[in-house]
Amino acid sequence: MKNMKRMIAILMSVALASVLCACGGPEPKEVADSFMTALQKNDTKTIKTVYAGESIDLDLAFEDESEDDSSSGGYSSTLEKIVGNKLSDFDYKLSDEKIDGDKASVKVEVTTYAFGDALEGFYQDYRDKVLKQVLAGASDKKIGEMSQGLLEKRLKAMKKNYTGTFTLHLTKKSDGWVIDKFKDDGDFYNVMTGGTIDALNKIEEMFNNTSE
């Protein structure tokens, strides 16, 4: 009888340990899913709970380009709306979860709009059309309006046909798994913005070649 009670106690302890492990918080893949869904919904509250960085600003590359062009006068409300809506309209698939102690990784495949192609097309439009106006002595206002019009046209014509992959790296903290901070020029930002970083690097290279 004593042996039976002892056996039952052991089994109950094992069962309790299993339950506690199962309730130990979301696994890395679940955290990754929450993060990607939060990006789609622009849910900054959820992002702050699962991401080690301060914030995620996917349209920063476009803001930087606008600020660099003194003639543009900054982002128009139309461009802000187009960029914001299309950046959050992406599909994703999670795979290949790996856990090694307090470190983990999850692979993410994203399908989104080809922002990079749009920027490359805009650069060609700018060279072919806007520079002529600059050389002709057009006002900054006219050049800015023309530039934004060309960019708006390219962004509206984008197709959702860009697919890229990046890896989320996570670290286990006292309160659960947290996604490590991304590099500004890393795969995450490039993929989530439809190849924008690749496009900007290519445009810079083309510009440098024409300047030589």
N, C-alpha and C. Protein backbone atom coordinates (compact mmCIF):
# COMPACT_ATOMS: atom_id res chain seq x y z
N MET A 1 0.83 -1.21 0.00
CA MET A 1 0.00 0.00 0.00
C MET A 1 0.87 1.26 0.00
N LYS A 2 1.95 1.20 0.82
CA LYS A 2 2.86 2.35 0.86
C LYS A 2 3.50 2.58 -0.50
N ASN A 3 3.87 1.46 -1.14
CA ASN A 3 4.49 1.58 -2.46
C ASN A 3 3.53 2.18 -3.47
N MET A 4 2.25 1.79 -3.36
CA MET A 4 1.22 2.32 -4.26
C MET A 4 1.06 3.83 -4.05
N LYS A 5 1.00 4.27 -2.80
CA LYS A 5 0.87 5.70 -2.51
C LYS A 5 2.08 6.47 -3.02
N ARG A 6 3.25 5.83 -2.85
CA ARG A 6 4.48 6.49 -3.30
C ARG A 6 4.48 6.64 -4.82
N MET A 7 4.02 5.60 -5.50
CA MET A 7 3.96 5.62 -6.96
C MET A 7 2.98 6.70 -7.44
N ILE A 8 1.82 6.79 -6.77
CA ILE A 8 0.83 7.81 -7.14
C ILE A 8 1.41 9.21 -6.92
N ALA A 9 2.14 9.40 -5.82
CA ALA A 9 2.74 10.70 -5.52
C ALA A 9 3.75 11.09 -6.59
N ILE A 10 4.54 10.11 -7.03
CA ILE A 10 5.55 10.36 -8.07
C ILE A 10 4.87 10.75 -9.38
N LEU A 11 3.82 10.00 -9.74
CA LEU A 11 3.09 10.27 -10.98
C LEU A 11 2.45 11.65 -10.95
N MET A 12 1.89 12.02 -9.77
CA MET A 12 1.27 13.34 -9.65
C MET A 12 2.32 14.45 -9.77
N SER A 13 3.51 14.20 -9.22
CA SER A 13 4.59 15.19 -9.30
C SER A 13 5.02 15.40 -10.74
N VAL A 14 5.14 14.28 -11.48
CA VAL A 14 5.53 14.35 -12.89
C VAL A 14 4.47 15.09 -13.69
N ALA A 15 3.19 14.77 -13.41
CA ALA A 15 2.09 15.42 -14.13
C ALA A 15 2.06 16.92 -13.84
N LEU A 16 2.28 17.28 -12.57
CA LEU A 16 2.27 18.69 -12.19
C LEU A 16 3.42 19.44 -12.86
N ALA A 17 4.58 18.80 -12.92
CA ALA A 17 5.74 19.42 -13.57
C ALA A 17 5.46 19.65 -15.05
N SER A 18 4.78 18.70 -15.68
CA SER A 18 4.44 18.83 -17.10
C SER A 18 3.50 20.00 -17.33
N VAL A 19 2.52 20.14 -16.43
CA VAL A 19 1.56 21.24 -16.54
C VAL A 19 2.26 22.58 -16.37
N LEU A 20 3.16 22.65 -15.39
CA LEU A 20 3.89 23.90 -15.14
C LEU A 20 4.76 24.28 -16.32
N CYS A 21 5.38 23.28 -16.95
CA CYS A 21 6.21 23.55 -18.13
C CYS A 21 5.36 24.04 -19.28
N ALA A 22 4.19 23.43 -19.42
CA ALA A 22 3.30 23.81 -20.52
C ALA A 22 2.77 25.22 -20.34
N CYS A 23 2.69 25.66 -19.08
CA CYS A 23 2.15 27.00 -18.81
C CYS A 23 3.26 28.03 -18.60
N GLY A 24 4.46 27.71 -19.03
CA GLY A 24 5.60 28.58 -18.79
C GLY A 24 5.70 29.75 -19.72
N GLY A 25 4.68 30.07 -20.46
CA GLY A 25 4.70 31.21 -21.37
C GLY A 25 4.80 30.77 -22.81
N PRO A 26 4.56 31.68 -23.73
CA PRO A 26 4.58 31.37 -25.16
C PRO A 26 5.96 30.90 -25.62
N GLU A 27 5.97 29.95 -26.53
CA GLU A 27 7.22 29.47 -27.12
C GLU A 27 7.71 30.49 -28.16
N PRO A 28 8.97 30.39 -28.59
CA PRO A 28 9.52 31.36 -29.55
C PRO A 28 8.67 31.55 -30.80
N LYS A 29 8.15 30.47 -31.36
CA LYS A 29 7.33 30.59 -32.57
C LYS A 29 6.05 31.36 -32.30
N GLU A 30 5.47 31.17 -31.11
CA GLU A 30 4.25 31.90 -30.74
C GLU A 30 4.55 33.39 -30.55
N VAL A 31 5.70 33.69 -29.96
CA VAL A 31 6.11 35.09 -29.79
C VAL A 31 6.33 35.74 -31.15
N ALA A 32 6.98 34.99 -32.05
CA ALA A 32 7.21 35.50 -33.41
C ALA A 32 5.89 35.78 -34.12
N ASP A 33 4.92 34.90 -33.92
CA ASP A 33 3.60 35.07 -34.54
C ASP A 33 2.91 36.32 -33.99
N SER A 34 3.00 36.52 -32.68
CA SER A 34 2.40 37.71 -32.06
C SER A 34 3.05 38.98 -32.59
N PHE A 35 4.36 38.94 -32.76
CA PHE A 35 5.10 40.10 -33.25
C PHE A 35 4.71 40.45 -34.68
N MET A 36 4.65 39.46 -35.55
CA MET A 36 4.32 39.71 -36.95
C MET A 36 2.88 40.19 -37.10
N THR A 37 1.97 39.62 -36.31
CA THR A 37 0.58 40.06 -36.34
C THR A 37 0.47 41.50 -35.83
N ALA A 38 1.24 41.83 -34.81
CA ALA A 38 1.24 43.19 -34.27
C ALA A 38 1.74 44.19 -35.32
N LEU A 39 2.71 43.79 -36.14
CA LEU A 39 3.19 44.66 -37.21
C LEU A 39 2.08 44.92 -38.23
N GLN A 40 1.31 43.89 -38.55
CA GLN A 40 0.20 44.05 -39.49
C GLN A 40 -0.84 45.02 -38.96
N LYS A 41 -1.08 44.97 -37.66
CA LYS A 41 -2.12 45.79 -37.04
C LYS A 41 -1.58 47.11 -36.47
N ASN A 42 -0.27 47.32 -36.61
CA ASN A 42 0.37 48.49 -36.01
C ASN A 42 0.08 48.56 -34.51
N ASP A 43 0.16 47.39 -33.87
CA ASP A 43 -0.12 47.26 -32.44
C ASP A 43 1.17 47.51 -31.66
N THR A 44 1.46 48.77 -31.39
CA THR A 44 2.72 49.14 -30.75
C THR A 44 2.83 48.59 -29.32
N LYS A 45 1.71 48.41 -28.66
CA LYS A 45 1.72 47.90 -27.28
C LYS A 45 2.26 46.47 -27.24
N THR A 46 1.77 45.63 -28.15
CA THR A 46 2.25 44.24 -28.20
C THR A 46 3.71 44.19 -28.63
N ILE A 47 4.07 45.02 -29.61
CA ILE A 47 5.46 45.04 -30.09
C ILE A 47 6.42 45.34 -28.94
N LYS A 48 6.06 46.28 -28.08
CA LYS A 48 6.93 46.65 -26.96
C LYS A 48 7.13 45.51 -25.98
N THR A 49 6.14 44.62 -25.88
CA THR A 49 6.24 43.52 -24.91
C THR A 49 7.09 42.36 -25.43
N VAL A 50 7.27 42.25 -26.75
CA VAL A 50 7.99 41.09 -27.30
C VAL A 50 9.26 41.48 -28.05
N TYR A 51 9.55 42.78 -28.16
CA TYR A 51 10.72 43.24 -28.92
C TYR A 51 11.68 44.00 -28.02
N ALA A 52 12.97 43.70 -28.13
CA ALA A 52 13.97 44.30 -27.25
C ALA A 52 14.29 45.75 -27.60
N GLY A 53 14.04 46.15 -28.85
CA GLY A 53 14.30 47.53 -29.26
C GLY A 53 13.22 48.47 -28.78
N GLU A 54 13.44 49.76 -29.01
CA GLU A 54 12.47 50.76 -28.55
C GLU A 54 11.21 50.76 -29.39
N SER A 55 11.36 50.64 -30.72
CA SER A 55 10.20 50.67 -31.61
C SER A 55 10.59 50.12 -32.97
N ILE A 56 9.58 49.93 -33.83
CA ILE A 56 9.80 49.49 -35.20
C ILE A 56 9.25 50.57 -36.12
N ASP A 57 10.10 51.11 -36.99
CA ASP A 57 9.68 52.18 -37.91
C ASP A 57 10.01 51.75 -39.33
N LEU A 58 9.06 51.04 -39.96
CA LEU A 58 9.31 50.49 -41.29
C LEU A 58 9.41 51.55 -42.37
N ASP A 59 8.72 52.68 -42.20
CA ASP A 59 8.75 53.70 -43.26
C ASP A 59 9.86 54.72 -43.07
N LEU A 60 10.83 54.41 -42.18
CA LEU A 60 11.93 55.34 -41.93
C LEU A 60 12.74 55.61 -43.19
N ALA A 61 12.95 54.58 -44.01
CA ALA A 61 13.75 54.74 -45.23
C ALA A 61 13.11 55.77 -46.16
N PHE A 62 11.78 55.75 -46.25
CA PHE A 62 11.08 56.68 -47.13
C PHE A 62 11.12 58.09 -46.55
N GLU A 63 11.03 58.20 -45.21
CA GLU A 63 11.11 59.51 -44.57
C GLU A 63 12.49 60.11 -44.77
N ASP A 64 13.52 59.28 -44.67
CA ASP A 64 14.89 59.76 -44.86
C ASP A 64 15.09 60.30 -46.26
N GLU A 65 14.54 59.58 -47.25
CA GLU A 65 14.67 60.02 -48.63
C GLU A 65 13.98 61.36 -48.83
N SER A 66 12.81 61.51 -48.21
CA SER A 66 12.06 62.75 -48.35
C SER A 66 12.80 63.92 -47.71
N GLU A 67 13.40 63.66 -46.53
CA GLU A 67 14.12 64.71 -45.83
C GLU A 67 15.39 65.11 -46.55
N ASP A 68 16.02 64.14 -47.25
CA ASP A 68 17.26 64.43 -47.96
C ASP A 68 17.01 65.33 -49.16
N ASP A 69 15.80 65.30 -49.70
CA ASP A 69 15.47 66.11 -50.86
C ASP A 69 14.84 67.41 -50.38
N SER A 70 15.62 68.48 -50.33
CA SER A 70 15.14 69.75 -49.78
C SER A 70 14.02 70.35 -50.61
N SER A 71 13.90 69.92 -51.86
CA SER A 71 12.87 70.49 -52.73
C SER A 71 11.52 69.82 -52.57
N SER A 72 11.51 68.67 -51.88
CA SER A 72 10.26 67.90 -51.81
C SER A 72 9.27 68.49 -50.83
N GLY A 73 9.79 69.20 -49.82
CA GLY A 73 8.88 69.77 -48.82
C GLY A 73 8.38 68.73 -47.86
N GLY A 74 9.00 67.53 -47.83
CA GLY A 74 8.58 66.47 -46.93
C GLY A 74 7.50 65.61 -47.53
N TYR A 75 7.08 64.63 -46.74
CA TYR A 75 6.04 63.69 -47.15
C TYR A 75 4.71 64.40 -47.35
N SER A 76 3.99 64.05 -48.40
CA SER A 76 2.61 64.52 -48.53
C SER A 76 1.73 63.53 -47.79
N SER A 77 0.54 63.96 -47.40
CA SER A 77 -0.38 63.07 -46.69
C SER A 77 -0.78 61.88 -47.56
N THR A 78 -0.83 62.10 -48.87
CA THR A 78 -1.18 61.00 -49.78
C THR A 78 -0.11 59.94 -49.77
N LEU A 79 1.16 60.35 -49.83
CA LEU A 79 2.26 59.40 -49.81
C LEU A 79 2.31 58.67 -48.48
N GLU A 80 2.08 59.37 -47.38
CA GLU A 80 2.07 58.74 -46.06
C GLU A 80 1.03 57.62 -46.00
N LYS A 81 -0.14 57.89 -46.55
CA LYS A 81 -1.22 56.91 -46.52
C LYS A 81 -0.89 55.70 -47.38
N ILE A 82 -0.36 55.95 -48.58
CA ILE A 82 -0.01 54.85 -49.48
C ILE A 82 1.05 53.95 -48.84
N VAL A 83 2.12 54.58 -48.36
CA VAL A 83 3.22 53.82 -47.77
C VAL A 83 2.76 53.06 -46.53
N GLY A 84 2.05 53.74 -45.64
CA GLY A 84 1.58 53.11 -44.41
C GLY A 84 0.67 51.91 -44.66
N ASN A 85 -0.28 52.07 -45.56
CA ASN A 85 -1.22 50.98 -45.86
C ASN A 85 -0.54 49.78 -46.48
N LYS A 86 0.38 50.04 -47.41
CA LYS A 86 1.01 48.93 -48.12
C LYS A 86 2.08 48.23 -47.28
N LEU A 87 2.75 48.96 -46.40
CA LEU A 87 3.75 48.33 -45.54
C LEU A 87 3.12 47.33 -44.58
N SER A 88 1.91 47.63 -44.12
CA SER A 88 1.25 46.73 -43.16
C SER A 88 0.46 45.62 -43.85
N ASP A 89 0.33 45.69 -45.16
CA ASP A 89 -0.43 44.69 -45.92
C ASP A 89 0.52 43.62 -46.45
N PHE A 90 0.98 42.75 -45.56
CA PHE A 90 1.90 41.68 -45.96
C PHE A 90 1.41 40.34 -45.43
N ASP A 91 1.89 39.28 -46.05
CA ASP A 91 1.60 37.92 -45.60
C ASP A 91 2.89 37.30 -45.08
N TYR A 92 2.77 36.37 -44.15
CA TYR A 92 3.99 35.75 -43.62
C TYR A 92 3.76 34.28 -43.26
N LYS A 93 4.88 33.54 -43.27
CA LYS A 93 4.88 32.14 -42.85
C LYS A 93 6.06 31.93 -41.91
N LEU A 94 5.82 31.22 -40.81
CA LEU A 94 6.86 30.92 -39.84
C LEU A 94 7.31 29.47 -39.98
N SER A 95 8.62 29.24 -39.79
CA SER A 95 9.13 27.88 -39.90
C SER A 95 10.46 27.75 -39.16
N ASP A 96 10.94 26.54 -39.06
CA ASP A 96 12.30 26.24 -38.59
C ASP A 96 12.60 26.86 -37.22
N GLU A 97 11.73 26.59 -36.24
CA GLU A 97 11.99 27.06 -34.88
C GLU A 97 13.14 26.25 -34.26
N LYS A 98 14.12 26.95 -33.71
CA LYS A 98 15.25 26.29 -33.05
C LYS A 98 15.46 26.91 -31.66
N ILE A 99 15.60 26.04 -30.66
CA ILE A 99 15.80 26.50 -29.29
C ILE A 99 17.08 25.89 -28.74
N ASP A 100 17.95 26.74 -28.20
CA ASP A 100 19.21 26.28 -27.62
C ASP A 100 19.41 27.03 -26.30
N GLY A 101 18.92 26.44 -25.22
CA GLY A 101 19.01 27.09 -23.92
C GLY A 101 18.16 28.34 -23.87
N ASP A 102 18.79 29.48 -23.59
CA ASP A 102 18.05 30.74 -23.52
C ASP A 102 18.11 31.53 -24.83
N LYS A 103 18.51 30.85 -25.90
CA LYS A 103 18.54 31.46 -27.23
C LYS A 103 17.65 30.66 -28.18
N ALA A 104 17.03 31.36 -29.11
CA ALA A 104 16.15 30.69 -30.07
C ALA A 104 16.12 31.48 -31.38
N SER A 105 15.63 30.83 -32.42
CA SER A 105 15.48 31.51 -33.71
C SER A 105 14.26 30.95 -34.43
N VAL A 106 13.63 31.80 -35.23
CA VAL A 106 12.47 31.41 -36.03
C VAL A 106 12.62 32.05 -37.41
N LYS A 107 12.47 31.26 -38.45
CA LYS A 107 12.59 31.79 -39.81
C LYS A 107 11.23 32.35 -40.25
N VAL A 108 11.26 33.49 -40.94
CA VAL A 108 10.04 34.15 -41.39
C VAL A 108 10.13 34.43 -42.89
N GLU A 109 9.13 33.97 -43.62
CA GLU A 109 9.03 34.29 -45.06
C GLU A 109 7.90 35.30 -45.24
N VAL A 110 8.21 36.42 -45.87
CA VAL A 110 7.24 37.51 -46.03
C VAL A 110 6.98 37.78 -47.51
N THR A 111 5.71 37.99 -47.84
CA THR A 111 5.33 38.45 -49.18
C THR A 111 4.69 39.82 -49.02
N THR A 112 5.24 40.80 -49.71
CA THR A 112 4.76 42.17 -49.57
C THR A 112 4.90 42.91 -50.90
N TYR A 113 4.67 44.21 -50.87
CA TYR A 113 4.76 45.01 -52.09
C TYR A 113 6.22 45.32 -52.43
N ALA A 114 6.51 45.40 -53.73
CA ALA A 114 7.88 45.58 -54.21
C ALA A 114 8.28 47.06 -54.15
N PHE A 115 8.47 47.55 -52.93
CA PHE A 115 8.87 48.95 -52.74
C PHE A 115 10.21 49.24 -53.40
N GLY A 116 11.13 48.27 -53.35
CA GLY A 116 12.44 48.47 -53.94
C GLY A 116 12.36 48.75 -55.43
N ASP A 117 11.55 47.98 -56.14
CA ASP A 117 11.37 48.19 -57.58
C ASP A 117 10.77 49.57 -57.85
N ALA A 118 9.83 49.98 -56.98
CA ALA A 118 9.20 51.29 -57.15
C ALA A 118 10.22 52.42 -56.99
N LEU A 119 11.12 52.28 -56.02
CA LEU A 119 12.13 53.31 -55.80
C LEU A 119 13.13 53.37 -56.95
N GLU A 120 13.50 52.20 -57.47
CA GLU A 120 14.41 52.19 -58.62
C GLU A 120 13.75 52.85 -59.83
N GLY A 121 12.47 52.56 -60.03
CA GLY A 121 11.74 53.19 -61.13
C GLY A 121 11.64 54.69 -60.95
N PHE A 122 11.41 55.11 -59.70
CA PHE A 122 11.32 56.54 -59.40
C PHE A 122 12.65 57.24 -59.68
N TYR A 123 13.75 56.58 -59.34
CA TYR A 123 15.07 57.17 -59.59
C TYR A 123 15.28 57.41 -61.09
N GLN A 124 14.86 56.43 -61.90
CA GLN A 124 14.98 56.59 -63.35
C GLN A 124 14.09 57.74 -63.84
N ASP A 125 12.87 57.81 -63.30
CA ASP A 125 11.96 58.90 -63.67
C ASP A 125 12.57 60.25 -63.30
N TYR A 126 13.17 60.30 -62.12
CA TYR A 126 13.77 61.55 -61.63
C TYR A 126 14.89 62.00 -62.57
N ARG A 127 15.73 61.06 -62.96
CA ARG A 127 16.84 61.39 -63.86
C ARG A 127 16.33 61.85 -65.23
N ASP A 128 15.29 61.16 -65.71
CA ASP A 128 14.81 61.45 -67.07
C ASP A 128 13.96 62.71 -67.15
N LYS A 129 13.22 63.02 -66.08
CA LYS A 129 12.24 64.11 -66.16
C LYS A 129 12.54 65.29 -65.25
N VAL A 130 12.85 65.00 -64.00
CA VAL A 130 13.01 66.10 -63.04
C VAL A 130 14.30 66.87 -63.26
N LEU A 131 15.39 66.18 -63.54
CA LEU A 131 16.67 66.87 -63.72
C LEU A 131 16.62 67.89 -64.86
N LYS A 132 15.82 67.59 -65.86
CA LYS A 132 15.67 68.55 -66.96
C LYS A 132 15.06 69.85 -66.45
N GLN A 133 14.09 69.72 -65.54
CA GLN A 133 13.45 70.90 -64.96
C GLN A 133 14.43 71.67 -64.07
N VAL A 134 15.28 70.92 -63.36
CA VAL A 134 16.28 71.56 -62.51
C VAL A 134 17.24 72.39 -63.35
N LEU A 135 17.72 71.79 -64.45
CA LEU A 135 18.64 72.50 -65.34
C LEU A 135 17.98 73.69 -66.02
N ALA A 136 16.66 73.59 -66.19
CA ALA A 136 15.92 74.69 -66.83
C ALA A 136 15.60 75.81 -65.85
N GLY A 137 15.96 75.62 -64.58
CA GLY A 137 15.75 76.67 -63.59
C GLY A 137 14.39 76.67 -62.94
N ALA A 138 13.71 75.52 -62.93
CA ALA A 138 12.39 75.44 -62.30
C ALA A 138 12.49 75.71 -60.80
N SER A 139 11.41 76.20 -60.23
CA SER A 139 11.39 76.51 -58.79
C SER A 139 11.44 75.24 -57.95
N ASP A 140 11.89 75.38 -56.70
CA ASP A 140 11.93 74.24 -55.78
C ASP A 140 10.54 73.65 -55.59
N LYS A 141 9.53 74.51 -55.54
CA LYS A 141 8.17 74.03 -55.35
C LYS A 141 7.73 73.15 -56.51
N LYS A 142 8.01 73.57 -57.73
CA LYS A 142 7.63 72.80 -58.90
C LYS A 142 8.37 71.47 -58.94
N ILE A 143 9.66 71.50 -58.62
CA ILE A 143 10.46 70.28 -58.62
C ILE A 143 9.95 69.31 -57.56
N GLY A 144 9.62 69.86 -56.36
CA GLY A 144 9.11 69.02 -55.29
C GLY A 144 7.79 68.37 -55.65
N GLU A 145 6.87 69.14 -56.23
CA GLU A 145 5.57 68.61 -56.62
C GLU A 145 5.71 67.55 -57.71
N MET A 146 6.61 67.79 -58.64
CA MET A 146 6.83 66.83 -59.72
C MET A 146 7.44 65.53 -59.18
N SER A 147 8.38 65.66 -58.26
CA SER A 147 9.03 64.49 -57.66
C SER A 147 8.02 63.64 -56.90
N GLN A 148 7.20 64.30 -56.08
CA GLN A 148 6.22 63.55 -55.30
C GLN A 148 5.17 62.90 -56.20
N GLY A 149 4.82 63.58 -57.28
CA GLY A 149 3.86 63.00 -58.21
C GLY A 149 4.39 61.74 -58.86
N LEU A 150 5.66 61.76 -59.24
CA LEU A 150 6.28 60.59 -59.87
C LEU A 150 6.40 59.44 -58.88
N LEU A 151 6.78 59.75 -57.63
CA LEU A 151 6.90 58.71 -56.61
C LEU A 151 5.54 58.12 -56.27
N GLU A 152 4.54 58.98 -56.16
CA GLU A 152 3.18 58.51 -55.86
C GLU A 152 2.68 57.55 -56.94
N LYS A 153 2.97 57.88 -58.19
CA LYS A 153 2.54 57.04 -59.31
C LYS A 153 3.20 55.66 -59.23
N ARG A 154 4.49 55.64 -58.91
CA ARG A 154 5.22 54.37 -58.80
C ARG A 154 4.70 53.53 -57.63
N LEU A 155 4.42 54.17 -56.51
CA LEU A 155 3.95 53.44 -55.33
C LEU A 155 2.55 52.86 -55.55
N LYS A 156 1.70 53.62 -56.22
CA LYS A 156 0.35 53.13 -56.49
C LYS A 156 0.35 51.93 -57.44
N ALA A 157 1.36 51.88 -58.32
CA ALA A 157 1.42 50.81 -59.32
C ALA A 157 2.10 49.54 -58.79
N MET A 158 2.57 49.56 -57.56
CA MET A 158 3.28 48.40 -57.02
C MET A 158 2.40 47.15 -56.97
N LYS A 159 3.04 46.01 -57.17
CA LYS A 159 2.36 44.73 -57.04
C LYS A 159 2.88 44.00 -55.79
N LYS A 160 2.02 43.19 -55.23
CA LYS A 160 2.40 42.43 -54.03
C LYS A 160 3.10 41.14 -54.46
N ASN A 161 4.29 41.29 -54.99
CA ASN A 161 4.99 40.13 -55.55
C ASN A 161 6.44 40.01 -55.07
N TYR A 162 6.76 40.72 -54.00
CA TYR A 162 8.11 40.60 -53.43
C TYR A 162 8.08 39.58 -52.30
N THR A 163 8.96 38.60 -52.34
CA THR A 163 9.06 37.60 -51.28
C THR A 163 10.49 37.52 -50.78
N GLY A 164 10.65 37.59 -49.48
CA GLY A 164 11.98 37.51 -48.88
C GLY A 164 11.92 36.79 -47.54
N THR A 165 13.08 36.39 -47.05
CA THR A 165 13.16 35.63 -45.80
C THR A 165 14.17 36.26 -44.85
N PHE A 166 13.83 36.27 -43.58
CA PHE A 166 14.77 36.70 -42.55
C PHE A 166 14.57 35.81 -41.32
N THR A 167 15.49 35.91 -40.39
CA THR A 167 15.43 35.09 -39.18
C THR A 167 15.27 35.98 -37.95
N LEU A 168 14.28 35.66 -37.14
CA LEU A 168 14.10 36.33 -35.86
C LEU A 168 14.93 35.61 -34.81
N HIS A 169 15.77 36.34 -34.10
CA HIS A 169 16.56 35.77 -33.01
C HIS A 169 15.95 36.22 -31.68
N LEU A 170 15.78 35.28 -30.78
CA LEU A 170 15.12 35.57 -29.51
C LEU A 170 16.00 35.19 -28.33
N THR A 171 15.80 35.89 -27.21
CA THR A 171 16.49 35.60 -25.96
C THR A 171 15.46 35.42 -24.86
N LYS A 172 15.65 34.40 -24.03
CA LYS A 172 14.70 34.14 -22.96
C LYS A 172 15.04 34.99 -21.74
N LYS A 173 14.11 35.86 -21.35
CA LYS A 173 14.26 36.70 -20.18
C LYS A 173 13.46 36.10 -19.02
N SER A 174 13.46 36.79 -17.89
CA SER A 174 12.74 36.29 -16.72
C SER A 174 11.24 36.19 -16.96
N ASP A 175 10.71 37.06 -17.85
CA ASP A 175 9.27 37.06 -18.11
C ASP A 175 8.91 36.44 -19.46
N GLY A 176 9.86 35.76 -20.11
CA GLY A 176 9.54 35.06 -21.35
C GLY A 176 10.49 35.40 -22.49
N TRP A 177 10.17 34.88 -23.68
CA TRP A 177 11.01 35.10 -24.86
C TRP A 177 10.81 36.50 -25.43
N VAL A 178 11.93 37.12 -25.81
CA VAL A 178 11.91 38.46 -26.39
C VAL A 178 12.75 38.47 -27.66
N ILE A 179 12.24 39.13 -28.70
CA ILE A 179 12.95 39.21 -29.97
C ILE A 179 14.09 40.21 -29.87
N ASP A 180 15.28 39.79 -30.30
CA ASP A 180 16.46 40.66 -30.24
C ASP A 180 16.30 41.86 -31.17
N LYS A 181 17.00 42.93 -30.84
CA LYS A 181 16.94 44.16 -31.64
C LYS A 181 17.52 43.94 -33.03
N PHE A 182 16.88 44.56 -34.03
CA PHE A 182 17.33 44.42 -35.42
C PHE A 182 18.38 45.47 -35.78
N LYS A 183 19.24 45.12 -36.73
CA LYS A 183 20.16 46.10 -37.31
C LYS A 183 19.39 46.94 -38.31
N ASP A 184 19.68 48.24 -38.36
CA ASP A 184 18.96 49.15 -39.25
C ASP A 184 19.10 48.75 -40.72
N ASP A 185 20.24 48.18 -41.08
CA ASP A 185 20.47 47.80 -42.48
C ASP A 185 20.42 46.29 -42.68
N GLY A 186 19.75 45.60 -41.76
CA GLY A 186 19.70 44.14 -41.82
C GLY A 186 18.57 43.60 -42.68
N ASP A 187 18.47 42.26 -42.69
CA ASP A 187 17.49 41.57 -43.53
C ASP A 187 16.06 41.91 -43.14
N PHE A 188 15.79 42.09 -41.84
CA PHE A 188 14.42 42.35 -41.41
C PHE A 188 13.85 43.58 -42.11
N TYR A 189 14.54 44.70 -42.00
CA TYR A 189 14.03 45.95 -42.60
C TYR A 189 14.00 45.87 -44.12
N ASN A 190 14.99 45.20 -44.70
CA ASN A 190 15.01 45.09 -46.16
C ASN A 190 13.81 44.29 -46.67
N VAL A 191 13.55 43.15 -46.04
CA VAL A 191 12.44 42.29 -46.47
C VAL A 191 11.10 42.94 -46.18
N MET A 192 10.94 43.50 -44.98
CA MET A 192 9.65 44.08 -44.60
C MET A 192 9.30 45.31 -45.44
N THR A 193 10.30 45.94 -46.05
CA THR A 193 10.04 47.09 -46.92
C THR A 193 10.20 46.72 -48.39
N GLY A 194 10.03 45.45 -48.70
CA GLY A 194 10.01 45.02 -50.09
C GLY A 194 11.28 45.29 -50.87
N GLY A 195 12.44 45.08 -50.23
CA GLY A 195 13.71 45.25 -50.92
C GLY A 195 14.20 46.68 -51.00
N THR A 196 13.72 47.54 -50.10
CA THR A 196 14.08 48.96 -50.15
C THR A 196 15.58 49.19 -49.93
N ILE A 197 16.16 48.51 -48.95
CA ILE A 197 17.59 48.72 -48.66
C ILE A 197 18.45 48.30 -49.85
N ASP A 198 18.11 47.15 -50.45
CA ASP A 198 18.84 46.72 -51.65
C ASP A 198 18.72 47.76 -52.75
N ALA A 199 17.52 48.30 -52.92
CA ALA A 199 17.28 49.29 -53.98
C ALA A 199 18.06 50.57 -53.73
N LEU A 200 18.07 51.05 -52.48
CA LEU A 200 18.79 52.28 -52.16
C LEU A 200 20.30 52.11 -52.37
N ASN A 201 20.81 50.93 -52.03
CA ASN A 201 22.24 50.66 -52.28
C ASN A 201 22.54 50.66 -53.77
N LYS A 202 21.64 50.07 -54.54
CA LYS A 202 21.81 50.03 -56.00
C LYS A 202 21.74 51.43 -56.60
N ILE A 203 20.79 52.23 -56.12
CA ILE A 203 20.64 53.61 -56.61
C ILE A 203 21.89 54.43 -56.27
N GLU A 204 22.41 54.24 -55.06
CA GLU A 204 23.62 54.97 -54.66
C GLU A 204 24.80 54.59 -55.56
N GLU A 205 24.88 53.31 -55.89
CA GLU A 205 25.96 52.85 -56.77
C GLU A 205 25.82 53.45 -58.16
N MET A 206 24.58 53.49 -58.69
CA MET A 206 24.35 54.08 -60.01
C MET A 206 24.67 55.56 -60.00
N PHE A 207 24.30 56.24 -58.91
CA PHE A 207 24.57 57.67 -58.79
C PHE A 207 26.07 57.95 -58.76
N ASN A 208 26.80 57.13 -58.00
CA ASN A 208 28.25 57.31 -57.91
C ASN A 208 28.93 57.07 -59.25
N ASN A 209 28.42 56.09 -60.00
CA ASN A 209 29.00 55.78 -61.31
C ASN A 209 28.79 56.92 -62.30
N THR A 210 27.62 57.56 -62.22
CA THR A 210 27.33 58.66 -63.15
C THR A 210 28.07 59.93 -62.75
N SER A 211 28.47 60.01 -61.47
CA SER A 211 29.15 61.21 -60.99
C SER A 211 30.65 61.19 -61.29
N GLU A 212 31.17 60.00 -61.58
CA GLU A 212 32.61 59.87 -61.84
C GLU A 212 32.99 60.44 -63.20
